[in-house]
Protein backbone atom coordinates (compact mmCIF):
# COMPACT_ATOMS: atom_id res chain seq x y z
CA UNK A 1 0.25 0.03 0.01
CA UNK A 2 2.90 2.27 0.81
CA UNK A 3 4.50 1.74 -2.77
CA UNK A 4 0.65 2.67 -4.21
CA UNK A 5 0.74 5.50 -2.71
CA UNK A 6 4.33 6.69 -3.66
CA UNK A 7 3.12 6.38 -7.31
CA UNK A 8 0.22 8.54 -6.22
CA UNK A 9 -4.11 8.14 -7.16
CA UNK A 10 -4.46 5.31 -10.02
CA UNK A 11 -7.82 7.03 -10.88
CA UNK A 12 -9.77 9.98 -10.37
CA UNK A 13 -12.19 10.18 -6.97
CA UNK A 14 -15.49 8.95 -7.29
CA UNK A 15 -16.55 12.44 -5.76
CA UNK A 16 -15.81 13.84 -9.10
CA UNK A 17 -13.51 16.45 -7.54
CA UNK A 18 -10.01 17.27 -6.48
CA UNK A 19 -9.15 19.80 -3.74
CA UNK A 20 -5.95 20.75 -2.32
CA UNK A 21 -4.27 23.84 -1.42
CA UNK A 22 -0.80 25.31 -2.53
CA UNK A 23 0.65 27.23 0.35
CA UNK A 24 2.57 29.81 -2.13
CA UNK A 25 1.79 33.38 -3.02
CA UNK A 26 0.68 33.40 -6.55
CA UNK A 27 2.38 34.81 -9.36
CA UNK A 28 1.15 37.52 -12.22
CA UNK A 29 1.25 36.82 -15.48
CA UNK A 30 3.30 39.75 -16.09
CA UNK A 31 6.44 38.70 -13.93
CA UNK A 32 9.23 37.79 -15.20
CA UNK A 33 9.86 34.41 -16.96
CA UNK A 34 12.37 33.34 -13.88
CA UNK A 35 9.93 34.50 -11.17
CA UNK A 36 7.07 32.47 -13.15
CA UNK A 37 9.11 29.42 -13.89
CA UNK A 38 10.57 29.56 -10.09
CA UNK A 39 6.57 29.85 -8.65
CA UNK A 40 5.17 27.13 -11.21
CA UNK A 41 7.72 24.67 -10.05
CA UNK A 42 7.02 25.59 -6.38
CA UNK A 43 3.00 24.90 -7.03
CA UNK A 44 4.02 21.69 -8.92
CA UNK A 45 5.65 20.54 -5.76
CA UNK A 46 2.02 20.67 -4.04
CA UNK A 47 -0.28 18.97 -6.73
CA UNK A 48 -1.92 15.85 -5.74
CA UNK A 49 0.41 12.43 -6.91
CA UNK A 50 -2.05 10.61 -9.64
CA UNK A 51 -0.91 8.00 -12.16
CA UNK A 52 -3.46 9.61 -14.46
CA UNK A 53 -4.15 12.94 -16.67
CA UNK A 54 -7.65 14.20 -16.63
CA UNK A 55 -8.55 14.14 -20.00
CA UNK A 56 -12.20 15.66 -20.44
CA UNK A 57 -14.03 19.32 -19.72
CA UNK A 58 -13.46 20.90 -16.62
CA UNK A 59 -14.71 23.43 -13.68
CA UNK A 60 -12.04 24.95 -11.62
CA UNK A 61 -12.63 27.31 -8.68
CA UNK A 62 -9.89 29.40 -6.89
CA UNK A 63 -9.55 30.95 -3.81
CA UNK A 64 -6.45 33.10 -3.14
CA UNK A 65 -6.07 33.42 0.52
CA UNK A 66 -4.51 36.76 1.17
CA UNK A 67 -4.58 39.27 4.08
CA UNK A 68 -7.36 42.21 3.64
CA UNK A 69 -4.58 44.87 4.56
CA UNK A 70 -1.71 43.27 1.63
CA UNK A 71 -5.02 43.31 -1.31
CA UNK A 72 -5.80 46.86 -0.34
CA UNK A 73 -2.98 48.74 1.14
CA UNK A 74 -0.21 47.14 -0.91
CA UNK A 75 1.20 48.02 -4.31
CA UNK A 76 2.52 44.58 -4.66
CA UNK A 77 -0.40 42.56 -4.37
CA UNK A 78 -1.51 41.81 -7.96
CA UNK A 79 -5.04 41.91 -9.77
CA UNK A 80 -7.12 38.69 -9.35
CA UNK A 81 -7.22 38.13 -13.49
CA UNK A 82 -3.57 37.89 -13.60
CA UNK A 83 -2.93 35.18 -11.86
CA UNK A 84 -4.88 32.74 -13.43
CA UNK A 85 -2.55 31.65 -16.47
CA UNK A 86 0.30 31.04 -14.56
CA UNK A 87 -2.02 28.86 -12.27
CA UNK A 88 -3.64 26.75 -15.55
CA UNK A 89 -0.19 26.60 -16.54
CA UNK A 90 1.04 24.42 -13.86
CA UNK A 91 -2.29 22.43 -13.84
CA UNK A 92 -1.00 20.98 -17.42
CA UNK A 93 1.56 18.97 -18.72
CA UNK A 94 2.63 14.85 -18.62
CA UNK A 95 2.90 15.01 -14.72
CA UNK A 96 0.18 17.32 -13.72
CA UNK A 97 -3.45 17.01 -13.62
CA UNK A 98 -4.27 18.30 -16.71
CA UNK A 99 -3.32 17.54 -20.42
CA UNK A 100 -4.37 21.45 -21.95
CA UNK A 101 -5.83 24.23 -20.50
CA UNK A 102 -8.46 24.49 -23.12
CA UNK A 103 -10.05 21.80 -21.27
CA UNK A 104 -11.19 24.41 -18.53
CA UNK A 105 -14.94 25.25 -19.36
CA UNK A 106 -15.21 27.50 -16.76
CA UNK A 107 -12.95 28.86 -13.98
CA UNK A 108 -14.08 31.02 -10.85
CA UNK A 109 -11.38 33.05 -9.19
CA UNK A 110 -11.52 35.22 -6.21
CA UNK A 111 -9.71 36.41 -3.11
CA UNK A 112 -10.92 35.87 0.77
CA UNK A 113 -9.54 37.56 3.57
CA UNK A 114 -6.94 35.45 5.66
CA UNK A 115 -5.31 36.44 8.67
CA UNK A 116 -2.64 33.67 8.83
CA UNK A 117 1.10 34.46 7.85
CA UNK A 118 1.63 34.45 4.18
CA UNK A 119 -0.68 33.40 1.96
CA UNK A 120 -2.06 30.38 -0.34
CA UNK A 121 -4.14 29.66 -3.28
CA UNK A 122 -7.13 27.10 -2.83
CA UNK A 123 -7.86 25.20 -5.61
CA UNK A 124 -11.09 22.95 -6.71
CA UNK A 125 -11.05 21.08 -9.92
CA UNK A 126 -14.63 19.17 -11.09
CA UNK A 127 -14.62 16.64 -13.83
CA UNK A 128 -16.08 13.48 -15.10
CA UNK A 129 -15.21 10.51 -13.30
CA UNK A 130 -14.87 8.70 -16.19
CA UNK A 131 -12.82 11.13 -18.42
CA UNK A 132 -9.39 10.44 -17.74
CA UNK A 133 -6.06 8.94 -19.33
CA UNK A 134 -3.56 6.64 -17.60
CA UNK A 135 -0.05 8.48 -17.74
CA UNK A 136 2.34 5.04 -18.10
CA UNK A 137 2.31 4.70 -21.84
CA UNK A 138 0.46 7.57 -22.64
CA UNK A 139 1.06 8.91 -26.21
CA UNK A 140 -1.35 10.54 -29.12
CA UNK A 141 -1.89 9.57 -32.10
CA UNK A 142 -2.61 11.57 -35.24
CA UNK A 143 -5.83 10.60 -36.56
CA UNK A 144 -6.86 13.33 -38.89
CA UNK A 145 -5.23 16.69 -39.76
CA UNK A 146 -3.35 17.49 -36.59
CA UNK A 147 -6.73 15.68 -34.43
CA UNK A 148 -5.53 13.46 -32.25
CA UNK A 149 -6.77 10.80 -29.66
CA UNK A 150 -4.92 9.63 -26.76
CA UNK A 151 -3.38 5.85 -26.47
CA UNK A 152 -2.01 3.98 -23.96
CA UNK A 153 0.43 2.24 -26.22
CA UNK A 154 1.64 -0.62 -23.19
CA UNK A 155 -1.94 -2.32 -24.59
CA UNK A 156 -2.14 -5.59 -26.55
CA UNK A 157 -1.09 -5.13 -30.17
CA UNK A 158 -4.36 -6.57 -31.14
CA UNK A 159 -6.46 -4.41 -28.96
CA UNK A 160 -4.78 -1.15 -30.06
CA UNK A 161 -4.96 -2.96 -33.48
CA UNK A 162 -9.24 -2.56 -33.13
CA UNK A 163 -9.14 0.63 -31.05
CA UNK A 164 -6.79 2.48 -33.80
CA UNK A 165 -9.18 1.15 -36.38
CA UNK A 166 -12.22 2.06 -34.72
CA UNK A 167 -11.18 6.07 -34.50
CA UNK A 168 -10.20 5.81 -38.07
CA UNK A 169 -13.79 4.66 -38.72
CA UNK A 170 -15.03 7.53 -36.39
CA UNK A 171 -12.88 10.08 -38.19
CA UNK A 172 -14.12 9.13 -41.66
CA UNK A 173 -18.16 8.65 -40.89
CA UNK A 174 -17.75 12.11 -39.40
CA UNK A 175 -16.09 13.71 -42.85
CA UNK A 176 -18.46 11.90 -44.96
CA UNK A 177 -21.23 12.94 -43.39
CA UNK A 178 -20.43 16.51 -43.07
CA UNK A 179 -19.39 16.23 -47.06
CA UNK A 180 -23.30 15.02 -47.41
CA UNK A 181 -24.30 18.59 -45.64
CA UNK A 182 -24.37 17.53 -42.18
CA UNK A 183 -23.31 19.83 -39.31
CA UNK A 184 -20.69 19.20 -36.91
CA UNK A 185 -22.83 18.52 -34.27
CA UNK A 186 -25.17 16.27 -36.21
CA UNK A 187 -21.82 14.46 -37.60
CA UNK A 188 -20.07 14.63 -33.88
CA UNK A 189 -22.44 11.42 -33.45
CA UNK A 190 -20.09 9.21 -34.85
CA UNK A 191 -17.22 10.17 -32.91
CA UNK A 192 -16.03 8.77 -29.63
CA UNK A 193 -16.66 10.24 -26.19
CA UNK A 194 -13.25 10.59 -25.96
CA UNK A 195 -12.64 14.27 -27.35
CA UNK A 196 -10.23 14.96 -29.72
CA UNK A 197 -6.62 17.53 -28.96
CA UNK A 198 -4.89 19.42 -31.65
CA UNK A 199 -1.23 18.58 -32.25
CA UNK A 200 -0.81 22.24 -31.59
CA UNK A 201 -1.96 21.84 -27.64
CA UNK A 202 0.42 18.76 -27.53
CA UNK A 203 3.54 20.18 -27.28
CA UNK A 204 5.02 18.46 -24.08
CA UNK A 205 3.62 15.08 -25.23
CA UNK A 206 4.95 12.17 -27.48
CA UNK A 207 2.52 12.56 -30.87
CA UNK A 208 2.85 9.86 -33.48
CA UNK A 209 1.44 9.50 -36.61
CA UNK A 210 -1.50 6.86 -37.38
CA UNK A 211 1.09 4.95 -39.69
CA UNK A 212 3.66 5.29 -37.42
CA UNK A 213 1.79 3.94 -34.50
CA UNK A 214 0.42 0.93 -36.88
CA UNK A 215 4.06 0.27 -37.47
CA UNK A 216 4.73 0.05 -33.69
CA UNK A 217 2.06 -2.28 -33.44
CA UNK A 218 3.42 -4.74 -36.64
CA UNK A 219 6.94 -4.32 -34.66
CA UNK A 220 6.19 -5.60 -31.33
CA UNK A 221 3.30 -8.19 -32.70
CA UNK A 222 6.24 -9.85 -35.18
CA UNK A 223 8.24 -10.08 -32.20
CA UNK A 224 5.87 -11.55 -29.83
CA UNK A 225 4.61 -13.77 -32.72
CA UNK A 226 0.99 -12.62 -32.09
């Protein structure tokens, strides 16, 4: 059990919520690059440890705990809207909680008077419990025109082949029906519940073309004799 705890949560909580507090002062998006990097590193050290990434849309609530005197009577306190981007950025990436910040469907940010020493940021992320992918073995496969689907490359080759065939069929059908005059939402019925990700959103992740992924599967199949 101790070893599992060190690796972090295996799957999202059934409550559909992750709640944690970062006992650090938030950084402004207007700060220097060096200060932003230092602040992000500090915040990352306080993120919950997980074996998964949330892969669907999320809602985030942020509370900035700061003494009223510091908020009202100091030029050092930044504006609430300026702390959002650095906080959202640090939540994303292979070692974090989200894949990309375009998963954030809504965000609420406020500050409250806190009489304790220092400052802190309290975050709550709400999500659908079935929308997640495992970090281990994660790769994004470009199915069509910069649009990618998350795949666990550690799955058996036969299963991966079926999965890729299904994704390719879904994209083919959507394109076919859009060509027949059906709009985006009408043709979306063919797509997987798992949302797609554009390659421009995946710079921190490994991205393979569909052909490259199929070649990898073929090599694994040949090596295992399956």
